[in-house]
Amino acid sequence: MLPVQAESTASGGVTLRLSQEECTPTGTTEAIGKATEIMVSDKPDFDGAAWEPFVSTKTVTKGGSVWVRYRDRAGK
């Protein structure tokens, strides 16, 4: 699992700080490598969410719960 920090914004959204500093660059058979994509959703089942390029900071306009998935080059 990779760390995510969330901070509320003045407009009611959330700024996410996404980190992967402790990842092995290419991963292992059991662990993700450096993330190349993220998926962000306000739903735990990620319904309607899409993969997008990895960024270290992302602001989402909806407050409340935010769910994040990481994916590396190998699809883990």
Protein backbone atom coordinates (compact mmCIF):
# COMPACT_ATOMS: atom_id res chain seq x y z
CA MET A 1 0.00 0.00 0.00
CA LEU A 2 1.31 3.44 -0.93
CA PRO A 3 0.68 6.52 1.24
CA VAL A 4 -1.85 9.24 0.43
CA GLN A 5 -2.27 12.45 2.43
CA ALA A 6 -5.48 14.47 2.07
CA GLU A 7 -6.02 18.13 2.98
CA SER A 8 -9.30 20.02 2.77
CA THR A 9 -9.30 23.05 0.48
CA ALA A 10 -10.99 26.38 1.19
CA SER A 11 -13.49 25.67 -1.61
CA GLY A 12 -14.65 22.41 0.00
CA GLY A 13 -12.54 20.06 -2.12
CA VAL A 14 -9.58 17.91 -1.19
CA THR A 15 -5.92 18.14 -2.21
CA LEU A 16 -4.25 14.73 -2.37
CA ARG A 17 -0.51 14.31 -1.95
CA LEU A 18 0.47 10.99 -3.49
CA SER A 19 3.74 9.34 -2.55
CA GLN A 20 5.73 6.38 -3.74
CA GLU A 21 9.16 7.06 -2.30
CA GLU A 22 9.49 3.62 -0.71
CA CYS A 23 8.72 1.67 -3.90
CA THR A 24 11.22 -0.53 -5.66
CA PRO A 25 11.40 1.00 -9.16
CA THR A 26 10.25 -2.14 -10.98
CA GLY A 27 8.45 -3.83 -8.08
CA THR A 28 8.67 -7.44 -7.04
CA THR A 29 6.40 -10.43 -7.54
CA GLU A 30 4.48 -9.32 -4.44
CA ALA A 31 4.84 -5.53 -4.47
CA ILE A 32 3.98 -2.66 -6.77
CA GLY A 33 6.76 -0.76 -8.52
CA LYS A 34 6.79 3.01 -9.13
CA ALA A 35 3.26 4.05 -10.01
CA THR A 36 2.65 5.24 -13.54
CA GLU A 37 -1.12 5.73 -13.16
CA ILE A 38 -3.70 6.59 -10.51
CA MET A 39 -7.46 6.23 -10.22
CA VAL A 40 -9.31 8.62 -7.90
CA SER A 41 -12.95 8.24 -6.88
CA ASP A 42 -15.49 9.36 -4.30
CA LYS A 43 -16.87 5.79 -4.34
CA PRO A 44 -15.14 2.77 -2.76
CA ASP A 45 -16.04 0.59 -5.77
CA PHE A 46 -14.47 3.17 -8.16
CA ASP A 47 -17.65 3.13 -10.28
CA GLY A 48 -17.17 5.53 -13.21
CA ALA A 49 -13.51 6.29 -12.38
CA ALA A 50 -10.75 6.05 -14.99
CA TRP A 51 -6.99 5.57 -14.90
CA GLU A 52 -4.93 8.73 -15.43
CA PRO A 53 -1.19 9.50 -15.41
CA PHE A 54 0.50 9.59 -11.99
CA VAL A 55 0.89 13.01 -10.38
CA SER A 56 2.27 13.79 -6.93
CA THR A 57 -0.49 16.32 -6.13
CA LYS A 58 -4.11 16.28 -7.28
CA THR A 59 -7.05 18.43 -6.20
CA VAL A 60 -10.55 17.02 -6.39
CA THR A 61 -13.59 19.25 -6.12
CA LYS A 62 -15.75 16.99 -3.94
CA GLY A 63 -15.06 16.78 -0.22
CA GLY A 64 -15.78 13.73 1.90
CA SER A 65 -14.27 10.32 1.31
CA VAL A 66 -11.76 9.97 -1.51
CA TRP A 67 -10.41 6.62 -2.70
CA VAL A 68 -7.13 6.19 -4.60
CA ARG A 69 -5.67 3.28 -6.57
CA TYR A 70 -2.14 3.16 -7.90
CA ARG A 71 -0.98 1.07 -10.87
CA ASP A 72 2.58 0.42 -12.04
CA ARG A 73 3.91 -0.31 -15.52
CA ALA A 74 3.35 -4.06 -15.00
CA GLY A 75 -0.33 -3.49 -14.15
CA LYS A 76 0.02 -4.15 -10.39
